[in-house]
């Protein structure tokens, strides 16, 4: 039998998965309880509201992205970091095609609902954009912020189109184009 402390983690993991796959508004606490194997009555012990749960999911996503950046930072060259980042995203293309971006789609949904946590979600994209811009800065690019914005919008746009068309080739094509562009800088 899992430890009691595992329940909170399982709830956050299941909520994150379901918010990505089904959407925040369409996912009920009962859905999360069923997916996590935690009795519905126990969910409120760990999270008083669905808003508390989404906030924890966003915290978890932030930690995941920060860990990803730490791994990428092990590469000595900022251009290599950006190319590796693109390769990592390419490796997730089938999830993106099926469900969209776990951050971008959640930002859109929470913004439309005017959810109080929407700024927390938006902060994840801003964090990613800032990291990308810093890589361009380290490459000596004087317009690093503009390049960071260009790359993050290209990535999110690519995911939206690949998801809408249900076509992983959209991801392949755009990732390859972006890698080629980066190599020329």
C-alpha atoms as a PDB file:
ATOM      1  CA  UNK A   1       0.000   0.000   0.000  1.00  0.00           C
ATOM      2  CA  UNK A   2       1.418   3.448  -0.924  1.00  0.00           C
ATOM      3  CA  UNK A   3       2.503   5.748   1.847  1.00  0.00           C
ATOM      4  CA  UNK A   4       0.039   8.494   2.799  1.00  0.00           C
ATOM      5  CA  UNK A   5       2.551  11.142   1.698  1.00  0.00           C
ATOM      6  CA  UNK A   6       2.445   9.673  -1.814  1.00  0.00           C
ATOM      7  CA  UNK A   7      -1.194  10.678  -2.165  1.00  0.00           C
ATOM      8  CA  UNK A   8      -0.471  14.381  -2.545  1.00  0.00           C
ATOM      9  CA  UNK A   9       2.132  13.656  -5.249  1.00  0.00           C
ATOM     10  CA  UNK A  10      -0.181  11.253  -7.052  1.00  0.00           C
ATOM     11  CA  UNK A  11      -2.955  13.838  -7.026  1.00  0.00           C
ATOM     12  CA  UNK A  12      -0.644  16.496  -8.482  1.00  0.00           C
ATOM     13  CA  UNK A  13       0.683  14.087 -11.142  1.00  0.00           C
ATOM     14  CA  UNK A  14      -2.811  12.955 -12.141  1.00  0.00           C
ATOM     15  CA  UNK A  15      -4.145  16.513 -12.176  1.00  0.00           C
ATOM     16  CA  UNK A  16      -1.251  17.661 -14.362  1.00  0.00           C
ATOM     17  CA  UNK A  17      -1.811  14.802 -16.780  1.00  0.00           C
ATOM     18  CA  UNK A  18      -5.582  15.309 -16.970  1.00  0.00           C
ATOM     19  CA  UNK A  19      -5.394  19.110 -17.212  1.00  0.00           C
ATOM     20  CA  UNK A  20      -3.115  18.586 -20.222  1.00  0.00           C
ATOM     21  CA  UNK A  21      -5.103  15.799 -21.842  1.00  0.00           C
ATOM     22  CA  UNK A  22      -8.663  16.895 -21.080  1.00  0.00           C
ATOM     23  CA  UNK A  23      -8.397  20.517 -19.973  1.00  0.00           C
ATOM     24  CA  UNK A  24      -8.675  22.249 -16.632  1.00  0.00           C
ATOM     25  CA  UNK A  25     -12.372  23.092 -16.808  1.00  0.00           C
ATOM     26  CA  UNK A  26     -13.398  19.637 -18.033  1.00  0.00           C
ATOM     27  CA  UNK A  27     -11.433  17.772 -15.355  1.00  0.00           C
ATOM     28  CA  UNK A  28     -13.286  17.181 -12.112  1.00  0.00           C
ATOM     29  CA  UNK A  29     -11.809  16.385  -8.731  1.00  0.00           C
ATOM     30  CA  UNK A  30     -13.525  12.990  -9.067  1.00  0.00           C
ATOM     31  CA  UNK A  31     -11.607  12.392 -12.318  1.00  0.00           C
ATOM     32  CA  UNK A  32      -8.336  13.258 -10.580  1.00  0.00           C
ATOM     33  CA  UNK A  33      -9.168  11.046  -7.604  1.00  0.00           C
ATOM     34  CA  UNK A  34      -9.977   8.100  -9.871  1.00  0.00           C
ATOM     35  CA  UNK A  35      -6.841   8.532 -11.987  1.00  0.00           C
ATOM     36  CA  UNK A  36      -4.586   8.877  -8.940  1.00  0.00           C
ATOM     37  CA  UNK A  37      -6.144   6.043  -6.975  1.00  0.00           C
ATOM     38  CA  UNK A  38      -6.827   8.398  -4.066  1.00  0.00           C
ATOM     39  CA  UNK A  39     -10.347   8.244  -2.617  1.00  0.00           C
ATOM     40  CA  UNK A  40     -12.379  11.335  -3.526  1.00  0.00           C
ATOM     41  CA  UNK A  41     -13.038  12.048   0.148  1.00  0.00           C
ATOM     42  CA  UNK A  42      -9.290  12.383   0.723  1.00  0.00           C
ATOM     43  CA  UNK A  43      -8.731  14.893  -2.073  1.00  0.00           C
ATOM     44  CA  UNK A  44     -10.070  17.778   0.036  1.00  0.00           C
ATOM     45  CA  UNK A  45      -7.678  16.866   2.815  1.00  0.00           C
ATOM     46  CA  UNK A  46      -4.760  17.671   0.510  1.00  0.00           C
ATOM     47  CA  UNK A  47      -6.350  20.405  -1.637  1.00  0.00           C
ATOM     48  CA  UNK A  48      -9.268  22.482  -0.409  1.00  0.00           C
ATOM     49  CA  UNK A  49     -10.133  23.672  -3.912  1.00  0.00           C
ATOM     50  CA  UNK A  50      -9.388  22.867  -7.515  1.00  0.00           C
ATOM     51  CA  UNK A  51      -7.582  26.238  -7.645  1.00  0.00           C
ATOM     52  CA  UNK A  52      -5.211  25.036  -4.908  1.00  0.00           C
ATOM     53  CA  UNK A  53      -4.524  21.940  -6.954  1.00  0.00           C
ATOM     54  CA  UNK A  54      -3.839  23.799 -10.217  1.00  0.00           C
ATOM     55  CA  UNK A  55      -1.466  26.098  -8.353  1.00  0.00           C
ATOM     56  CA  UNK A  56       0.487  23.073  -7.145  1.00  0.00           C
ATOM     57  CA  UNK A  57       0.473  21.596 -10.662  1.00  0.00           C
ATOM     58  CA  UNK A  58       1.931  24.869 -11.964  1.00  0.00           C
ATOM     59  CA  UNK A  59       4.575  24.821  -9.212  1.00  0.00           C
ATOM     60  CA  UNK A  60       5.476  21.283 -10.279  1.00  0.00           C
ATOM     61  CA  UNK A  61       5.706  22.310 -13.945  1.00  0.00           C
ATOM     62  CA  UNK A  62       7.945  25.222 -12.983  1.00  0.00           C
ATOM     63  CA  UNK A  63      10.253  22.858 -11.075  1.00  0.00           C
ATOM     64  CA  UNK A  64      10.312  20.492 -14.056  1.00  0.00           C
ATOM     65  CA  UNK A  65      11.212  23.295 -16.466  1.00  0.00           C
ATOM     66  CA  UNK A  66      13.910  24.587 -14.109  1.00  0.00           C
ATOM     67  CA  UNK A  67      15.395  21.076 -13.868  1.00  0.00           C
ATOM     68  CA  UNK A  68      15.324  20.845 -17.660  1.00  0.00           C
ATOM     69  CA  UNK A  69      17.189  24.146 -17.921  1.00  0.00           C
ATOM     70  CA  UNK A  70      19.760  22.902 -15.384  1.00  0.00           C
ATOM     71  CA  UNK A  71      20.369  19.839 -17.564  1.00  0.00           C
ATOM     72  CA  UNK A  72      20.693  21.985 -20.683  1.00  0.00           C
ATOM     73  CA  UNK A  73      23.105  24.314 -18.850  1.00  0.00           C
ATOM     74  CA  UNK A  74      25.540  21.410 -18.573  1.00  0.00           C
ATOM     75  CA  UNK A  75      26.262  21.915 -22.255  1.00  0.00           C
ATOM     76  CA  UNK A  76      29.111  24.437 -22.528  1.00  0.00           C
ATOM     77  CA  UNK A  77      27.804  26.279 -25.587  1.00  0.00           C
ATOM     78  CA  UNK A  78      24.540  28.310 -25.522  1.00  0.00           C
ATOM     79  CA  UNK A  79      23.839  27.512 -29.194  1.00  0.00           C
ATOM     80  CA  UNK A  80      24.138  23.799 -28.396  1.00  0.00           C
ATOM     81  CA  UNK A  81      21.724  24.318 -25.465  1.00  0.00           C
ATOM     82  CA  UNK A  82      19.111  25.816 -27.759  1.00  0.00           C
ATOM     83  CA  UNK A  83      19.552  23.072 -30.349  1.00  0.00           C
ATOM     84  CA  UNK A  84      19.308  20.419 -27.630  1.00  0.00           C
ATOM     85  CA  UNK A  85      16.171  22.142 -26.283  1.00  0.00           C
ATOM     86  CA  UNK A  86      14.629  21.841 -29.749  1.00  0.00           C
ATOM     87  CA  UNK A  87      15.631  18.182 -29.894  1.00  0.00           C
ATOM     88  CA  UNK A  88      13.976  17.568 -26.525  1.00  0.00           C
ATOM     89  CA  UNK A  89      10.778  19.222 -27.741  1.00  0.00           C
ATOM     90  CA  UNK A  90      10.913  17.198 -30.940  1.00  0.00           C
ATOM     91  CA  UNK A  91      11.043  14.076 -28.787  1.00  0.00           C
ATOM     92  CA  UNK A  92       7.698  15.068 -27.261  1.00  0.00           C
ATOM     93  CA  UNK A  93       6.018  15.803 -30.595  1.00  0.00           C
ATOM     94  CA  UNK A  94       3.491  12.979 -30.359  1.00  0.00           C
ATOM     95  CA  UNK A  95       2.176  14.302 -27.032  1.00  0.00           C
ATOM     96  CA  UNK A  96       2.065  17.812 -28.464  1.00  0.00           C
ATOM     97  CA  UNK A  97       0.201  16.603 -31.557  1.00  0.00           C
ATOM     98  CA  UNK A  98      -2.302  14.673 -29.459  1.00  0.00           C
ATOM     99  CA  UNK A  99      -2.879  17.131 -26.583  1.00  0.00           C
ATOM    100  CA  UNK A 100      -1.163  20.432 -27.382  1.00  0.00           C
ATOM    101  CA  UNK A 101       1.410  22.106 -25.173  1.00  0.00           C
ATOM    102  CA  UNK A 102       0.972  21.348 -21.467  1.00  0.00           C
ATOM    103  CA  UNK A 103       1.896  24.943 -20.616  1.00  0.00           C
ATOM    104  CA  UNK A 104       0.550  26.934 -23.555  1.00  0.00           C
ATOM    105  CA  UNK A 105      -2.857  25.264 -23.675  1.00  0.00           C
ATOM    106  CA  UNK A 106      -3.264  25.674 -19.927  1.00  0.00           C
ATOM    107  CA  UNK A 107      -2.305  29.362 -20.168  1.00  0.00           C
ATOM    108  CA  UNK A 108      -4.946  29.894 -22.836  1.00  0.00           C
ATOM    109  CA  UNK A 109      -7.646  28.097 -20.897  1.00  0.00           C
ATOM    110  CA  UNK A 110      -6.909  29.806 -17.578  1.00  0.00           C
ATOM    111  CA  UNK A 111      -6.709  33.227 -19.245  1.00  0.00           C
ATOM    112  CA  UNK A 112     -10.118  32.720 -20.874  1.00  0.00           C
ATOM    113  CA  UNK A 113     -11.610  31.769 -17.521  1.00  0.00           C
ATOM    114  CA  UNK A 114      -9.881  34.731 -15.880  1.00  0.00           C
ATOM    115  CA  UNK A 115      -8.641  32.277 -13.280  1.00  0.00           C
ATOM    116  CA  UNK A 116      -6.548  33.853 -10.513  1.00  0.00           C
ATOM    117  CA  UNK A 117      -3.721  31.397 -11.265  1.00  0.00           C
ATOM    118  CA  UNK A 118      -3.504  32.484 -14.910  1.00  0.00           C
ATOM    119  CA  UNK A 119      -0.594  34.808 -14.109  1.00  0.00           C
ATOM    120  CA  UNK A 120       1.224  31.898 -12.486  1.00  0.00           C
ATOM    121  CA  UNK A 121       0.715  29.860 -15.665  1.00  0.00           C
ATOM    122  CA  UNK A 122       1.756  32.758 -17.916  1.00  0.00           C
ATOM    123  CA  UNK A 123       4.911  33.047 -15.824  1.00  0.00           C
ATOM    124  CA  UNK A 124       6.067  29.662 -17.124  1.00  0.00           C
ATOM    125  CA  UNK A 125       6.164  30.933 -20.695  1.00  0.00           C
ATOM    126  CA  UNK A 126       7.873  34.125 -19.565  1.00  0.00           C
ATOM    127  CA  UNK A 127      10.467  32.046 -17.716  1.00  0.00           C
ATOM    128  CA  UNK A 128      11.121  29.978 -20.851  1.00  0.00           C
ATOM    129  CA  UNK A 129      11.377  33.107 -23.008  1.00  0.00           C
ATOM    130  CA  UNK A 130      13.819  34.680 -20.541  1.00  0.00           C
ATOM    131  CA  UNK A 131      16.007  31.551 -20.531  1.00  0.00           C
ATOM    132  CA  UNK A 132      16.061  31.456 -24.334  1.00  0.00           C
ATOM    133  CA  UNK A 133      16.936  35.173 -24.519  1.00  0.00           C
ATOM    134  CA  UNK A 134      19.798  34.584 -22.083  1.00  0.00           C
ATOM    135  CA  UNK A 135      21.197  31.901 -24.395  1.00  0.00           C
ATOM    136  CA  UNK A 136      21.160  34.385 -27.279  1.00  0.00           C
ATOM    137  CA  UNK A 137      22.801  36.976 -25.018  1.00  0.00           C
ATOM    138  CA  UNK A 138      25.569  34.504 -24.184  1.00  0.00           C
ATOM    139  CA  UNK A 139      25.995  33.933 -27.930  1.00  0.00           C
ATOM    140  CA  UNK A 140      26.733  37.650 -28.245  1.00  0.00           C
ATOM    141  CA  UNK A 141      23.501  38.501 -30.042  1.00  0.00           C
ATOM    142  CA  UNK A 142      22.656  42.150 -29.366  1.00  0.00           C
ATOM    143  CA  UNK A 143      18.947  41.610 -30.064  1.00  0.00           C
ATOM    144  CA  UNK A 144      18.734  38.656 -27.648  1.00  0.00           C
ATOM    145  CA  UNK A 145      15.314  39.584 -26.246  1.00  0.00           C
ATOM    146  CA  UNK A 146      13.775  39.866 -29.724  1.00  0.00           C
ATOM    147  CA  UNK A 147      15.360  36.555 -30.767  1.00  0.00           C
ATOM    148  CA  UNK A 148      14.069  34.926 -27.591  1.00  0.00           C
ATOM    149  CA  UNK A 149      10.574  36.149 -28.355  1.00  0.00           C
ATOM    150  CA  UNK A 150      10.898  34.984 -31.957  1.00  0.00           C
ATOM    151  CA  UNK A 151      11.955  31.479 -30.923  1.00  0.00           C
ATOM    152  CA  UNK A 152       9.329  31.028 -28.188  1.00  0.00           C
ATOM    153  CA  UNK A 153       6.527  32.228 -30.476  1.00  0.00           C
ATOM    154  CA  UNK A 154       7.765  29.942 -33.265  1.00  0.00           C
ATOM    155  CA  UNK A 155       7.730  26.991 -30.881  1.00  0.00           C
ATOM    156  CA  UNK A 156       4.287  27.659 -29.446  1.00  0.00           C
ATOM    157  CA  UNK A 157       2.836  28.419 -32.867  1.00  0.00           C
ATOM    158  CA  UNK A 158       4.282  25.192 -34.203  1.00  0.00           C
ATOM    159  CA  UNK A 159       2.707  23.184 -31.406  1.00  0.00           C
ATOM    160  CA  UNK A 160      -0.682  24.838 -31.958  1.00  0.00           C
ATOM    161  CA  UNK A 161      -0.615  24.077 -35.699  1.00  0.00           C
ATOM    162  CA  UNK A 162       0.718  20.529 -35.251  1.00  0.00           C
ATOM    163  CA  UNK A 163      -2.005  19.868 -32.685  1.00  0.00           C
ATOM    164  CA  UNK A 164      -4.751  21.369 -34.871  1.00  0.00           C
ATOM    165  CA  UNK A 165      -3.642  19.370 -37.909  1.00  0.00           C
ATOM    166  CA  UNK A 166      -2.798  16.265 -35.849  1.00  0.00           C
ATOM    167  CA  UNK A 167       0.413  16.071 -37.863  1.00  0.00           C
ATOM    168  CA  UNK A 168       3.828  15.402 -36.277  1.00  0.00           C
ATOM    169  CA  UNK A 169       5.488  16.355 -39.577  1.00  0.00           C
ATOM    170  CA  UNK A 170       4.649  19.975 -38.774  1.00  0.00           C
ATOM    171  CA  UNK A 171       6.832  19.659 -35.686  1.00  0.00           C
ATOM    172  CA  UNK A 172       9.598  17.910 -37.619  1.00  0.00           C
ATOM    173  CA  UNK A 173       9.665  20.534 -40.337  1.00  0.00           C
ATOM    174  CA  UNK A 174       9.637  23.548 -38.053  1.00  0.00           C
ATOM    175  CA  UNK A 175      12.134  22.113 -35.545  1.00  0.00           C
ATOM    176  CA  UNK A 176      14.527  21.339 -38.404  1.00  0.00           C
ATOM    177  CA  UNK A 177      14.094  24.868 -39.767  1.00  0.00           C
ATOM    178  CA  UNK A 178      14.763  26.374 -36.337  1.00  0.00           C
ATOM    179  CA  UNK A 179      17.837  24.198 -35.811  1.00  0.00           C
ATOM    180  CA  UNK A 180      19.188  25.281 -39.179  1.00  0.00           C
ATOM    181  CA  UNK A 181      18.520  28.946 -38.357  1.00  0.00           C
ATOM    182  CA  UNK A 182      20.312  28.617 -35.012  1.00  0.00           C
ATOM    183  CA  UNK A 183      23.336  26.953 -36.593  1.00  0.00           C
ATOM    184  CA  UNK A 184      23.710  29.917 -38.952  1.00  0.00           C
ATOM    185  CA  UNK A 185      23.793  32.465 -36.119  1.00  0.00           C
END
